[in-house]
Each structure stands twice: as structure tokens, then as C-alpha cells.
């Protein structure tokens, strides 16, 4: 049985929220599908890369996978801000998703800084 890993769990839950947000947005306005796909891709890639890091071949590989996740998290933050500023996302949903995203960014930043590579 695997032990609880906050960044794995939080990123998975965030992915679920991003998929649900995507489904809502696509029903609301299909004309912006390509923009919504950007959010879906970056938002779900965070957790996918974190999961992949769990089977890393080395500490360097582990850290590199987490760096990719961090980049995806920053991209997701961008799309969330853009969607809020252009009135695609409502404030309540935006703030909630952004808070989750920023929490994942903080966790990833801390883990990356603390991984010792020899």
C-alpha cells in the first residue's frame, strides 16, 4: 500500500477539477475550444508528470520530471488568469482553481529545492 504523498494527491485532485472545468467551458462556448484545450493539457500534465516522477530512474530524473510539472503549473496559472480576465471563468471558480494551482507550485518548488543530486 502506498503512503500518502501530498503533491501526488493534490495534483490528481487538481486534474479532476481541470477536466470538470473543461467540460463546463466546452458546453458554454465551443468556439474557444483551442484555448480550453491549452488549459486541459497543461492542467492535467502537472499530475501526469508528478506520477511519472514516482518511477524515476535517478534523483536527477526525478527532479527533471518535477521541473516539467512546475512549468506546466505555471502555464496553467497563466490560462486561469487569462480566462478570468476575459470573463470566461467566474471569480469564485477562478480563485479556487488558482489557489489549488499555487499550492501545487509551492509544493513542487520546495521538493525540487530539497532534492539532493550527486
PDB file of N, CA and C in Angstrom:
ATOM      1  N   UNK A   1       0.836  -1.187   0.000  1.00  0.00           N
ATOM      2  CA  UNK A   1       0.000   0.000   0.000  1.00  0.00           C
ATOM      3  C   UNK A   1       0.881   1.251   0.000  1.00  0.00           C
ATOM      4  N   UNK A   2       0.585   2.174  -0.891  1.00  0.00           N
ATOM      5  CA  UNK A   2       1.372   3.399  -0.982  1.00  0.00           C
ATOM      6  C   UNK A   2       1.014   4.340   0.154  1.00  0.00           C
ATOM      7  N   UNK A   3       2.021   5.090   0.613  1.00  0.00           N
ATOM      8  CA  UNK A   3       1.760   6.084   1.648  1.00  0.00           C
ATOM      9  C   UNK A   3       1.227   7.365   1.007  1.00  0.00           C
ATOM     10  N   UNK A   4       0.604   8.192   1.814  1.00  0.00           N
ATOM     11  CA  UNK A   4       0.031   9.446   1.339  1.00  0.00           C
ATOM     12  C   UNK A   4       1.151  10.380   0.892  1.00  0.00           C
ATOM     13  N   UNK A   5       1.042  10.881  -0.310  1.00  0.00           N
ATOM     14  CA  UNK A   5       2.004  11.835  -0.851  1.00  0.00           C
ATOM     15  C   UNK A   5       1.211  13.074  -1.262  1.00  0.00           C
ATOM     16  N   UNK A   6       1.342  14.174  -0.501  1.00  0.00           N
ATOM     17  CA  UNK A   6       0.507  15.359  -0.747  1.00  0.00           C
ATOM     18  C   UNK A   6       0.546  15.888  -2.174  1.00  0.00           C
ATOM     19  N   UNK A   7       1.712  15.976  -2.777  1.00  0.00           N
ATOM     20  CA  UNK A   7       1.785  16.558  -4.118  1.00  0.00           C
ATOM     21  C   UNK A   7       1.145  15.631  -5.155  1.00  0.00           C
ATOM     22  N   UNK A   8       1.270  14.333  -4.965  1.00  0.00           N
ATOM     23  CA  UNK A   8       0.624  13.375  -5.874  1.00  0.00           C
ATOM     24  C   UNK A   8      -0.892  13.496  -5.744  1.00  0.00           C
ATOM     25  N   UNK A   9      -1.372  13.490  -4.517  1.00  0.00           N
ATOM     26  CA  UNK A   9      -2.818  13.564  -4.269  1.00  0.00           C
ATOM     27  C   UNK A   9      -3.405  14.892  -4.728  1.00  0.00           C
ATOM     28  N   UNK A  10      -2.751  15.992  -4.371  1.00  0.00           N
ATOM     29  CA  UNK A  10      -3.269  17.323  -4.729  1.00  0.00           C
ATOM     30  C   UNK A  10      -3.264  17.539  -6.240  1.00  0.00           C
ATOM     31  N   UNK A  11      -2.236  17.056  -6.902  1.00  0.00           N
ATOM     32  CA  UNK A  11      -2.183  17.233  -8.357  1.00  0.00           C
ATOM     33  C   UNK A  11      -3.240  16.371  -9.053  1.00  0.00           C
ATOM     34  N   UNK A  12      -3.519  15.200  -8.511  1.00  0.00           N
ATOM     35  CA  UNK A  12      -4.569  14.357  -9.089  1.00  0.00           C
ATOM     36  C   UNK A  12      -5.942  15.010  -8.914  1.00  0.00           C
ATOM     37  N   UNK A  13      -6.206  15.502  -7.713  1.00  0.00           N
ATOM     38  CA  UNK A  13      -7.480  16.193  -7.458  1.00  0.00           C
ATOM     39  C   UNK A  13      -7.605  17.439  -8.331  1.00  0.00           C
ATOM     40  N   UNK A  14      -6.491  18.133  -8.534  1.00  0.00           N
ATOM     41  CA  UNK A  14      -6.495  19.316  -9.392  1.00  0.00           C
ATOM     42  C   UNK A  14      -6.818  18.917 -10.832  1.00  0.00           C
ATOM     43  N   UNK A  15      -6.264  17.818 -11.290  1.00  0.00           N
ATOM     44  CA  UNK A  15      -6.563  17.319 -12.641  1.00  0.00           C
ATOM     45  C   UNK A  15      -8.054  17.052 -12.811  1.00  0.00           C
ATOM     46  N   UNK A  16      -8.653  16.464 -11.807  1.00  0.00           N
ATOM     47  CA  UNK A  16     -10.095  16.206 -11.853  1.00  0.00           C
ATOM     48  C   UNK A  16     -10.855  17.521 -11.991  1.00  0.00           C
ATOM     49  N   UNK A  17     -10.464  18.520 -11.219  1.00  0.00           N
ATOM     50  CA  UNK A  17     -11.136  19.822 -11.286  1.00  0.00           C
ATOM     51  C   UNK A  17     -10.946  20.476 -12.650  1.00  0.00           C
ATOM     52  N   UNK A  18      -9.760  20.324 -13.227  1.00  0.00           N
ATOM     53  CA  UNK A  18      -9.493  20.908 -14.549  1.00  0.00           C
ATOM     54  C   UNK A  18     -10.359  20.228 -15.613  1.00  0.00           C
ATOM     55  N   UNK A  19     -10.487  18.913 -15.549  1.00  0.00           N
ATOM     56  CA  UNK A  19     -11.327  18.192 -16.512  1.00  0.00           C
ATOM     57  C   UNK A  19     -12.783  18.650 -16.381  1.00  0.00           C
ATOM     58  N   UNK A  20     -13.259  18.775 -15.161  1.00  0.00           N
ATOM     59  CA  UNK A  20     -14.638  19.240 -14.948  1.00  0.00           C
ATOM     60  C   UNK A  20     -14.816  20.673 -15.458  1.00  0.00           C
ATOM     61  N   UNK A  21     -13.829  21.514 -15.225  1.00  0.00           N
ATOM     62  CA  UNK A  21     -13.877  22.894 -15.713  1.00  0.00           C
ATOM     63  C   UNK A  21     -13.916  22.905 -17.239  1.00  0.00           C
ATOM     64  N   UNK A  22     -13.095  22.086 -17.853  1.00  0.00           N
ATOM     65  CA  UNK A  22     -13.064  21.980 -19.312  1.00  0.00           C
ATOM     66  C   UNK A  22     -14.436  21.566 -19.848  1.00  0.00           C
ATOM     67  N   UNK A  23     -15.021  20.554 -19.243  1.00  0.00           N
ATOM     68  CA  UNK A  23     -16.337  20.081 -19.688  1.00  0.00           C
ATOM     69  C   UNK A  23     -17.387  21.190 -19.576  1.00  0.00           C
ATOM     70  N   UNK A  24     -17.306  21.973 -18.519  1.00  0.00           N
ATOM     71  CA  UNK A  24     -18.229  23.097 -18.339  1.00  0.00           C
ATOM     72  C   UNK A  24     -17.992  24.160 -19.413  1.00  0.00           C
ATOM     73  N   UNK A  25     -16.732  24.514 -19.623  1.00  0.00           N
ATOM     74  CA  UNK A  25     -16.406  25.573 -20.585  1.00  0.00           C
ATOM     75  C   UNK A  25     -16.786  25.181 -22.006  1.00  0.00           C
ATOM     76  N   UNK A  26     -16.547  23.945 -22.368  1.00  0.00           N
ATOM     77  CA  UNK A  26     -16.827  23.493 -23.734  1.00  0.00           C
ATOM     78  C   UNK A  26     -18.331  23.515 -24.010  1.00  0.00           C
ATOM     79  N   UNK A  27     -19.133  23.246 -22.990  1.00  0.00           N
ATOM     80  CA  UNK A  27     -20.590  23.336 -23.148  1.00  0.00           C
ATOM     81  C   UNK A  27     -21.030  24.792 -23.290  1.00  0.00           C
ATOM     82  N   UNK A  28     -20.307  25.663 -22.607  1.00  0.00           N
ATOM     83  CA  UNK A  28     -20.642  27.089 -22.590  1.00  0.00           C
ATOM     84  C   UNK A  28     -20.341  27.758 -23.929  1.00  0.00           C
ATOM     85  N   UNK A  29     -19.185  27.405 -24.534  1.00  0.00           N
ATOM     86  CA  UNK A  29     -18.771  28.069 -25.778  1.00  0.00           C
ATOM     87  C   UNK A  29     -17.750  27.199 -26.510  1.00  0.00           C
ATOM     88  N   UNK A  30     -18.189  26.512 -27.541  1.00  0.00           N
ATOM     89  CA  UNK A  30     -17.287  25.626 -28.285  1.00  0.00           C
ATOM     90  C   UNK A  30     -16.322  26.386 -29.186  1.00  0.00           C
ATOM     91  N   UNK A  31     -16.590  27.648 -29.456  1.00  0.00           N
ATOM     92  CA  UNK A  31     -15.729  28.433 -30.351  1.00  0.00           C
ATOM     93  C   UNK A  31     -14.321  28.615 -29.785  1.00  0.00           C
ATOM     94  N   UNK A  32     -14.194  28.531 -28.468  1.00  0.00           N
ATOM     95  CA  UNK A  32     -12.887  28.732 -27.832  1.00  0.00           C
ATOM     96  C   UNK A  32     -12.212  27.411 -27.459  1.00  0.00           C
ATOM     97  N   UNK A  33     -12.601  26.350 -28.130  1.00  0.00           N
ATOM     98  CA  UNK A  33     -12.088  25.008 -27.827  1.00  0.00           C
ATOM     99  C   UNK A  33     -10.558  24.951 -27.782  1.00  0.00           C
ATOM    100  N   UNK A  34      -9.886  25.603 -28.721  1.00  0.00           N
ATOM    101  CA  UNK A  34      -8.416  25.520 -28.753  1.00  0.00           C
ATOM    102  C   UNK A  34      -7.798  26.139 -27.498  1.00  0.00           C
ATOM    103  N   UNK A  35      -8.401  27.202 -26.987  1.00  0.00           N
ATOM    104  CA  UNK A  35      -7.913  27.787 -25.733  1.00  0.00           C
ATOM    105  C   UNK A  35      -8.198  26.858 -24.558  1.00  0.00           C
ATOM    106  N   UNK A  36      -9.389  26.301 -24.524  1.00  0.00           N
ATOM    107  CA  UNK A  36      -9.747  25.386 -23.439  1.00  0.00           C
ATOM    108  C   UNK A  36      -8.837  24.158 -23.436  1.00  0.00           C
ATOM    109  N   UNK A  37      -8.455  23.704 -24.632  1.00  0.00           N
ATOM    110  CA  UNK A  37      -7.544  22.561 -24.728  1.00  0.00           C
ATOM    111  C   UNK A  37      -6.195  22.867 -24.088  1.00  0.00           C
ATOM    112  N   UNK A  38      -5.754  24.109 -24.193  1.00  0.00           N
ATOM    113  CA  UNK A  38      -4.483  24.504 -23.569  1.00  0.00           C
ATOM    114  C   UNK A  38      -4.558  24.313 -22.056  1.00  0.00           C
ATOM    115  N   UNK A  39      -5.661  24.771 -21.462  1.00  0.00           N
ATOM    116  CA  UNK A  39      -5.854  24.609 -20.017  1.00  0.00           C
ATOM    117  C   UNK A  39      -5.936  23.130 -19.647  1.00  0.00           C
ATOM    118  N   UNK A  40      -6.683  22.375 -20.417  1.00  0.00           N
ATOM    119  CA  UNK A  40      -6.818  20.940 -20.153  1.00  0.00           C
ATOM    120  C   UNK A  40      -5.464  20.241 -20.228  1.00  0.00           C
ATOM    121  N   UNK A  41      -4.697  20.543 -21.267  1.00  0.00           N
ATOM    122  CA  UNK A  41      -3.391  19.896 -21.456  1.00  0.00           C
ATOM    123  C   UNK A  41      -2.416  20.234 -20.328  1.00  0.00           C
ATOM    124  N   UNK A  42      -2.262  21.518 -20.039  1.00  0.00           N
ATOM    125  CA  UNK A  42      -1.288  21.907 -19.012  1.00  0.00           C
ATOM    126  C   UNK A  42      -1.761  21.499 -17.619  1.00  0.00           C
ATOM    127  N   UNK A  43      -3.050  21.656 -17.349  1.00  0.00           N
ATOM    128  CA  UNK A  43      -3.578  21.349 -16.022  1.00  0.00           C
ATOM    129  C   UNK A  43      -3.525  19.882 -15.654  1.00  0.00           C
ATOM    130  N   UNK A  44      -3.713  19.004 -16.625  1.00  0.00           N
ATOM    131  CA  UNK A  44      -3.646  17.566 -16.342  1.00  0.00           C
ATOM    132  C   UNK A  44      -2.223  17.025 -16.462  1.00  0.00           C
ATOM    133  N   UNK A  45      -1.379  17.729 -17.186  1.00  0.00           N
ATOM    134  CA  UNK A  45       0.012  17.310 -17.338  1.00  0.00           C
ATOM    135  C   UNK A  45       0.791  17.431 -16.026  1.00  0.00           C
ATOM    136  N   UNK A  46       0.372  18.341 -15.169  1.00  0.00           N
ATOM    137  CA  UNK A  46       1.049  18.511 -13.875  1.00  0.00           C
ATOM    138  C   UNK A  46       1.065  17.179 -13.132  1.00  0.00           C
ATOM    139  N   UNK A  47      -0.113  16.630 -12.911  1.00  0.00           N
ATOM    140  CA  UNK A  47      -0.227  15.373 -12.174  1.00  0.00           C
ATOM    141  C   UNK A  47       0.365  14.189 -12.908  1.00  0.00           C
ATOM    142  N   UNK A  48       0.240  14.189 -14.234  1.00  0.00           N
ATOM    143  CA  UNK A  48       0.798  13.083 -15.016  1.00  0.00           C
ATOM    144  C   UNK A  48       2.317  13.016 -14.855  1.00  0.00           C
ATOM    145  N   UNK A  49       2.972  14.164 -14.905  1.00  0.00           N
ATOM    146  CA  UNK A  49       4.433  14.184 -14.749  1.00  0.00           C
ATOM    147  C   UNK A  49       4.860  13.891 -13.317  1.00  0.00           C
ATOM    148  N   UNK A  50       4.068  14.340 -12.350  1.00  0.00           N
ATOM    149  CA  UNK A  50       4.367  14.007 -10.957  1.00  0.00           C
ATOM    150  C   UNK A  50       4.250  12.498 -10.761  1.00  0.00           C
ATOM    151  N   UNK A  51       3.215  11.896 -11.316  1.00  0.00           N
ATOM    152  CA  UNK A  51       3.058  10.436 -11.221  1.00  0.00           C
ATOM    153  C   UNK A  51       4.223   9.717 -11.887  1.00  0.00           C
ATOM    154  N   UNK A  52       4.624  10.215 -13.043  1.00  0.00           N
ATOM    155  CA  UNK A  52       5.760   9.619 -13.748  1.00  0.00           C
ATOM    156  C   UNK A  52       7.038   9.725 -12.918  1.00  0.00           C
ATOM    157  N   UNK A  53       7.183  10.809 -12.169  1.00  0.00           N
ATOM    158  CA  UNK A  53       8.387  11.004 -11.356  1.00  0.00           C
ATOM    159  C   UNK A  53       8.520   9.940 -10.272  1.00  0.00           C
ATOM    160  N   UNK A  54       7.420   9.317  -9.900  1.00  0.00           N
ATOM    161  CA  UNK A  54       7.449   8.298  -8.852  1.00  0.00           C
ATOM    162  C   UNK A  54       8.224   7.055  -9.284  1.00  0.00           C
ATOM    163  N   UNK A  55       8.437   6.903 -10.585  1.00  0.00           N
ATOM    164  CA  UNK A  55       9.208   5.767 -11.101  1.00  0.00           C
ATOM    165  C   UNK A  55      10.498   6.244 -11.764  1.00  0.00           C
ATOM    166  N   UNK A  56      11.004   7.374 -11.316  1.00  0.00           N
ATOM    167  CA  UNK A  56      12.216   7.943 -11.908  1.00  0.00           C
ATOM    168  C   UNK A  56      13.407   7.002 -11.741  1.00  0.00           C
ATOM    169  N   UNK A  57      14.297   7.046 -12.723  1.00  0.00           N
ATOM    170  CA  UNK A  57      15.475   6.176 -12.723  1.00  0.00           C
ATOM    171  C   UNK A  57      16.573   6.684 -11.792  1.00  0.00           C
ATOM    172  N   UNK A  58      16.531   7.974 -11.465  1.00  0.00           N
ATOM    173  CA  UNK A  58      17.558   8.574 -10.612  1.00  0.00           C
ATOM    174  C   UNK A  58      16.992   9.832  -9.968  1.00  0.00           C
ATOM    175  N   UNK A  59      17.754  10.398  -9.047  1.00  0.00           N
ATOM    176  CA  UNK A  59      17.332  11.663  -8.433  1.00  0.00           C
ATOM    177  C   UNK A  59      17.287  12.782  -9.465  1.00  0.00           C
ATOM    178  N   UNK A  60      18.214  12.750 -10.396  1.00  0.00           N
ATOM    179  CA  UNK A  60      18.219  13.756 -11.465  1.00  0.00           C
ATOM    180  C   UNK A  60      16.963  13.626 -12.313  1.00  0.00           C
ATOM    181  N   UNK A  61      16.622  12.413 -12.680  1.00  0.00           N
ATOM    182  CA  UNK A  61      15.407  12.155 -13.458  1.00  0.00           C
ATOM    183  C   UNK A  61      14.172  12.602 -12.670  1.00  0.00           C
ATOM    184  N   UNK A  62      14.138  12.280 -11.385  1.00  0.00           N
ATOM    185  CA  UNK A  62      13.035  12.673 -10.506  1.00  0.00           C
ATOM    186  C   UNK A  62      12.866  14.191 -10.506  1.00  0.00           C
ATOM    187  N   UNK A  63      13.965  14.888 -10.292  1.00  0.00           N
ATOM    188  CA  UNK A  63      13.911  16.355 -10.244  1.00  0.00           C
ATOM    189  C   UNK A  63      13.493  16.932 -11.596  1.00  0.00           C
ATOM    190  N   UNK A  64      13.998  16.369 -12.675  1.00  0.00           N
ATOM    191  CA  UNK A  64      13.629  16.859 -14.010  1.00  0.00           C
ATOM    192  C   UNK A  64      12.137  16.686 -14.294  1.00  0.00           C
ATOM    193  N   UNK A  65      11.568  15.566 -13.878  1.00  0.00           N
ATOM    194  CA  UNK A  65      10.123  15.345 -14.064  1.00  0.00           C
ATOM    195  C   UNK A  65       9.324  16.372 -13.265  1.00  0.00           C
ATOM    196  N   UNK A  66       9.793  16.661 -12.059  1.00  0.00           N
ATOM    197  CA  UNK A  66       9.102  17.657 -11.241  1.00  0.00           C
ATOM    198  C   UNK A  66       9.253  19.057 -11.825  1.00  0.00           C
ATOM    199  N   UNK A  67      10.379  19.332 -12.442  1.00  0.00           N
ATOM    200  CA  UNK A  67      10.555  20.633 -13.109  1.00  0.00           C
ATOM    201  C   UNK A  67       9.573  20.784 -14.272  1.00  0.00           C
ATOM    202  N   UNK A  68       9.352  19.717 -15.001  1.00  0.00           N
ATOM    203  CA  UNK A  68       8.353  19.753 -16.083  1.00  0.00           C
ATOM    204  C   UNK A  68       6.973  20.032 -15.487  1.00  0.00           C
ATOM    205  N   UNK A  69       6.656  19.371 -14.384  1.00  0.00           N
ATOM    206  CA  UNK A  69       5.377  19.610 -13.711  1.00  0.00           C
ATOM    207  C   UNK A  69       5.249  21.062 -13.278  1.00  0.00           C
ATOM    208  N   UNK A  70       6.331  21.620 -12.771  1.00  0.00           N
ATOM    209  CA  UNK A  70       6.323  23.016 -12.328  1.00  0.00           C
ATOM    210  C   UNK A  70       6.067  23.958 -13.499  1.00  0.00           C
ATOM    211  N   UNK A  71       6.713  23.689 -14.626  1.00  0.00           N
ATOM    212  CA  UNK A  71       6.476  24.507 -15.827  1.00  0.00           C
ATOM    213  C   UNK A  71       5.014  24.428 -16.255  1.00  0.00           C
ATOM    214  N   UNK A  72       4.454  23.234 -16.220  1.00  0.00           N
ATOM    215  CA  UNK A  72       3.046  23.051 -16.587  1.00  0.00           C
ATOM    216  C   UNK A  72       2.128  23.783 -15.608  1.00  0.00           C
ATOM    217  N   UNK A  73       2.506  23.795 -14.337  1.00  0.00           N
ATOM    218  CA  UNK A  73       1.703  24.502 -13.332  1.00  0.00           C
ATOM    219  C   UNK A  73       1.707  26.004 -13.600  1.00  0.00           C
ATOM    220  N   UNK A  74       2.867  26.541 -13.955  1.00  0.00           N
ATOM    221  CA  UNK A  74       2.930  27.971 -14.287  1.00  0.00           C
ATOM    222  C   UNK A  74       2.127  28.275 -15.553  1.00  0.00           C
ATOM    223  N   UNK A  75       2.155  27.380 -16.514  1.00  0.00           N
ATOM    224  CA  UNK A  75       1.342  27.584 -17.716  1.00  0.00           C
ATOM    225  C   UNK A  75      -0.145  27.549 -17.362  1.00  0.00           C
ATOM    226  N   UNK A  76      -0.522  26.636 -16.502  1.00  0.00           N
ATOM    227  CA  UNK A  76      -1.916  26.543 -16.070  1.00  0.00           C
ATOM    228  C   UNK A  76      -2.342  27.813 -15.354  1.00  0.00           C
ATOM    229  N   UNK A  77      -1.466  28.342 -14.521  1.00  0.00           N
ATOM    230  CA  UNK A  77      -1.752  29.609 -13.835  1.00  0.00           C
ATOM    231  C   UNK A  77      -2.032  30.708 -14.861  1.00  0.00           C
ATOM    232  N   UNK A  78      -1.241  30.748 -15.916  1.00  0.00           N
ATOM    233  CA  UNK A  78      -1.437  31.735 -16.986  1.00  0.00           C
ATOM    234  C   UNK A  78      -2.831  31.610 -17.603  1.00  0.00           C
ATOM    235  N   UNK A  79      -3.213  30.382 -17.984  1.00  0.00           N
ATOM    236  CA  UNK A  79      -4.514  30.178 -18.625  1.00  0.00           C
ATOM    237  C   UNK A  79      -5.652  30.535 -17.688  1.00  0.00           C
ATOM    238  N   UNK A  80      -5.527  30.192 -16.418  1.00  0.00           N
ATOM    239  CA  UNK A  80      -6.568  30.552 -15.455  1.00  0.00           C
ATOM    240  C   UNK A  80      -6.729  32.066 -15.368  1.00  0.00           C
ATOM    241  N   UNK A  81      -5.609  32.772 -15.279  1.00  0.00           N
ATOM    242  CA  UNK A  81      -5.661  34.241 -15.212  1.00  0.00           C
ATOM    243  C   UNK A  81      -6.270  34.830 -16.481  1.00  0.00           C
ATOM    244  N   UNK A  82      -5.866  34.304 -17.621  1.00  0.00           N
ATOM    245  CA  UNK A  82      -6.403  34.794 -18.890  1.00  0.00           C
ATOM    246  C   UNK A  82      -7.917  34.580 -18.957  1.00  0.00           C
ATOM    247  N   UNK A  83      -8.357  33.407 -18.577  1.00  0.00           N
ATOM    248  CA  UNK A  83      -9.787  33.102 -18.636  1.00  0.00           C
ATOM    249  C   UNK A  83     -10.586  33.962 -17.662  1.00  0.00           C
ATOM    250  N   UNK A  84      -9.998  34.294 -16.537  1.00  0.00           N
ATOM    251  CA  UNK A  84     -10.690  35.169 -15.591  1.00  0.00           C
ATOM    252  C   UNK A  84     -10.749  36.601 -16.126  1.00  0.00           C
ATOM    253  N   UNK A  85      -9.625  37.096 -16.595  1.00  0.00           N
ATOM    254  CA  UNK A  85      -9.560  38.482 -17.087  1.00  0.00           C
ATOM    255  C   UNK A  85     -10.417  38.702 -18.330  1.00  0.00           C
ATOM    256  N   UNK A  86     -10.663  37.658 -19.088  1.00  0.00           N
ATOM    257  CA  UNK A  86     -11.503  37.776 -20.286  1.00  0.00           C
ATOM    258  C   UNK A  86     -12.941  37.314 -20.010  1.00  0.00           C
ATOM    259  N   UNK A  87     -13.250  37.142 -18.752  1.00  0.00           N
ATOM    260  CA  UNK A  87     -14.599  36.807 -18.281  1.00  0.00           C
ATOM    261  C   UNK A  87     -15.112  35.454 -18.772  1.00  0.00           C
ATOM    262  N   UNK A  88     -14.185  34.549 -19.019  1.00  0.00           N
ATOM    263  CA  UNK A  88     -14.562  33.179 -19.366  1.00  0.00           C
ATOM    264  C   UNK A  88     -14.849  32.395 -18.089  1.00  0.00           C
ATOM    265  N   UNK A  89     -13.996  32.606 -17.079  1.00  0.00           N
ATOM    266  CA  UNK A  89     -14.188  31.967 -15.774  1.00  0.00           C
ATOM    267  C   UNK A  89     -14.764  32.974 -14.791  1.00  0.00           C
ATOM    268  N   UNK A  90     -15.678  32.510 -13.974  1.00  0.00           N
ATOM    269  CA  UNK A  90     -16.227  33.357 -12.923  1.00  0.00           C
ATOM    270  C   UNK A  90     -15.231  33.442 -11.772  1.00  0.00           C
ATOM    271  N   UNK A  91     -15.318  34.522 -11.008  1.00  0.00           N
ATOM    272  CA  UNK A  91     -14.343  34.799  -9.955  1.00  0.00           C
ATOM    273  C   UNK A  91     -14.222  33.671  -8.933  1.00  0.00           C
ATOM    274  N   UNK A  92     -15.327  33.128  -8.498  1.00  0.00           N
ATOM    275  CA  UNK A  92     -15.296  32.074  -7.474  1.00  0.00           C
ATOM    276  C   UNK A  92     -14.513  30.857  -7.957  1.00  0.00           C
ATOM    277  N   UNK A  93     -14.808  30.400  -9.157  1.00  0.00           N
ATOM    278  CA  UNK A  93     -14.122  29.231  -9.716  1.00  0.00           C
ATOM    279  C   UNK A  93     -12.649  29.544  -9.972  1.00  0.00           C
ATOM    280  N   UNK A  94     -12.396  30.729 -10.507  1.00  0.00           N
ATOM    281  CA  UNK A  94     -11.021  31.155 -10.775  1.00  0.00           C
ATOM    282  C   UNK A  94     -10.186  31.143  -9.501  1.00  0.00           C
ATOM    283  N   UNK A  95     -10.689  31.787  -8.461  1.00  0.00           N
ATOM    284  CA  UNK A  95      -9.920  31.889  -7.214  1.00  0.00           C
ATOM    285  C   UNK A  95      -9.656  30.520  -6.601  1.00  0.00           C
ATOM    286  N   UNK A  96     -10.632  29.654  -6.667  1.00  0.00           N
ATOM    287  CA  UNK A  96     -10.484  28.318  -6.114  1.00  0.00           C
ATOM    288  C   UNK A  96      -9.446  27.499  -6.890  1.00  0.00           C
ATOM    289  N   UNK A  97      -9.556  27.511  -8.215  1.00  0.00           N
ATOM    290  CA  UNK A  97      -8.581  26.795  -9.045  1.00  0.00           C
ATOM    291  C   UNK A  97      -7.187  27.397  -8.906  1.00  0.00           C
ATOM    292  N   UNK A  98      -7.113  28.718  -8.879  1.00  0.00           N
ATOM    293  CA  UNK A  98      -5.812  29.378  -8.746  1.00  0.00           C
ATOM    294  C   UNK A  98      -5.161  29.021  -7.415  1.00  0.00           C
ATOM    295  N   UNK A  99      -5.938  29.006  -6.352  1.00  0.00           N
ATOM    296  CA  UNK A  99      -5.407  28.642  -5.040  1.00  0.00           C
ATOM    297  C   UNK A  99      -4.822  27.231  -5.073  1.00  0.00           C
ATOM    298  N   UNK A 100      -5.541  26.296  -5.673  1.00  0.00           N
ATOM    299  CA  UNK A 100      -5.034  24.924  -5.805  1.00  0.00           C
ATOM    300  C   UNK A 100      -3.747  24.881  -6.618  1.00  0.00           C
ATOM    301  N   UNK A 101      -3.724  25.615  -7.714  1.00  0.00           N
ATOM    302  CA  UNK A 101      -2.560  25.647  -8.599  1.00  0.00           C
ATOM    303  C   UNK A 101      -1.344  26.218  -7.869  1.00  0.00           C
ATOM    304  N   UNK A 102      -1.540  27.318  -7.150  1.00  0.00           N
ATOM    305  CA  UNK A 102      -0.435  27.947  -6.427  1.00  0.00           C
ATOM    306  C   UNK A 102       0.085  27.052  -5.307  1.00  0.00           C
ATOM    307  N   UNK A 103      -0.801  26.301  -4.688  1.00  0.00           N
ATOM    308  CA  UNK A 103      -0.379  25.360  -3.654  1.00  0.00           C
ATOM    309  C   UNK A 103       0.515  24.271  -4.257  1.00  0.00           C
ATOM    310  N   UNK A 104       0.148  23.775  -5.413  1.00  0.00           N
ATOM    311  CA  UNK A 104       0.967  22.771  -6.098  1.00  0.00           C
ATOM    312  C   UNK A 104       2.311  23.376  -6.499  1.00  0.00           C
ATOM    313  N   UNK A 105       2.313  24.611  -6.970  1.00  0.00           N
ATOM    314  CA  UNK A 105       3.565  25.290  -7.322  1.00  0.00           C
ATOM    315  C   UNK A 105       4.475  25.379  -6.103  1.00  0.00           C
ATOM    316  N   UNK A 106       3.918  25.756  -4.951  1.00  0.00           N
ATOM    317  CA  UNK A 106       4.728  25.854  -3.724  1.00  0.00           C
ATOM    318  C   UNK A 106       5.301  24.492  -3.334  1.00  0.00           C
ATOM    319  N   UNK A 107       4.474  23.458  -3.394  1.00  0.00           N
ATOM    320  CA  UNK A 107       4.948  22.114  -3.046  1.00  0.00           C
ATOM    321  C   UNK A 107       6.063  21.658  -3.986  1.00  0.00           C
ATOM    322  N   UNK A 108       5.847  21.828  -5.281  1.00  0.00           N
ATOM    323  CA  UNK A 108       6.860  21.415  -6.262  1.00  0.00           C
ATOM    324  C   UNK A 108       8.159  22.186  -6.078  1.00  0.00           C
ATOM    325  N   UNK A 109       8.056  23.487  -5.867  1.00  0.00           N
ATOM    326  CA  UNK A 109       9.251  24.319  -5.674  1.00  0.00           C
ATOM    327  C   UNK A 109      10.048  23.831  -4.473  1.00  0.00           C
ATOM    328  N   UNK A 110       9.359  23.544  -3.392  1.00  0.00           N
ATOM    329  CA  UNK A 110      10.018  23.058  -2.181  1.00  0.00           C
ATOM    330  C   UNK A 110      10.690  21.704  -2.409  1.00  0.00           C
ATOM    331  N   UNK A 111       9.993  20.787  -3.042  1.00  0.00           N
ATOM    332  CA  UNK A 111      10.561  19.456  -3.295  1.00  0.00           C
ATOM    333  C   UNK A 111      11.788  19.560  -4.195  1.00  0.00           C
ATOM    334  N   UNK A 112      11.680  20.330  -5.268  1.00  0.00           N
ATOM    335  CA  UNK A 112      12.796  20.479  -6.212  1.00  0.00           C
ATOM    336  C   UNK A 112      14.022  21.055  -5.508  1.00  0.00           C
ATOM    337  N   UNK A 113      13.816  22.050  -4.653  1.00  0.00           N
ATOM    338  CA  UNK A 113      14.939  22.665  -3.927  1.00  0.00           C
ATOM    339  C   UNK A 113      15.600  21.680  -2.973  1.00  0.00           C
ATOM    340  N   UNK A 114      14.825  20.747  -2.443  1.00  0.00           N
ATOM    341  CA  UNK A 114      15.346  19.832  -1.432  1.00  0.00           C
ATOM    342  C   UNK A 114      15.892  18.515  -1.974  1.00  0.00           C
ATOM    343  N   UNK A 115      15.742  18.268  -3.259  1.00  0.00           N
ATOM    344  CA  UNK A 115      16.291  17.039  -3.846  1.00  0.00           C
ATOM    345  C   UNK A 115      17.795  17.231  -4.033  1.00  0.00           C
ATOM    346  N   UNK A 116      18.535  16.383  -3.393  1.00  0.00           N
ATOM    347  CA  UNK A 116      19.998  16.446  -3.484  1.00  0.00           C
ATOM    348  C   UNK A 116      20.467  15.531  -4.612  1.00  0.00           C
ATOM    349  N   UNK A 117      21.109  16.132  -5.598  1.00  0.00           N
ATOM    350  CA  UNK A 117      21.624  15.360  -6.728  1.00  0.00           C
ATOM    351  C   UNK A 117      23.138  15.292  -6.599  1.00  0.00           C
ATOM    352  N   UNK A 118      23.641  14.084  -6.663  1.00  0.00           N
ATOM    353  CA  UNK A 118      25.093  13.885  -6.514  1.00  0.00           C
ATOM    354  C   UNK A 118      25.741  13.750  -7.870  1.00  0.00           C
TER     355      UNK A 118
END
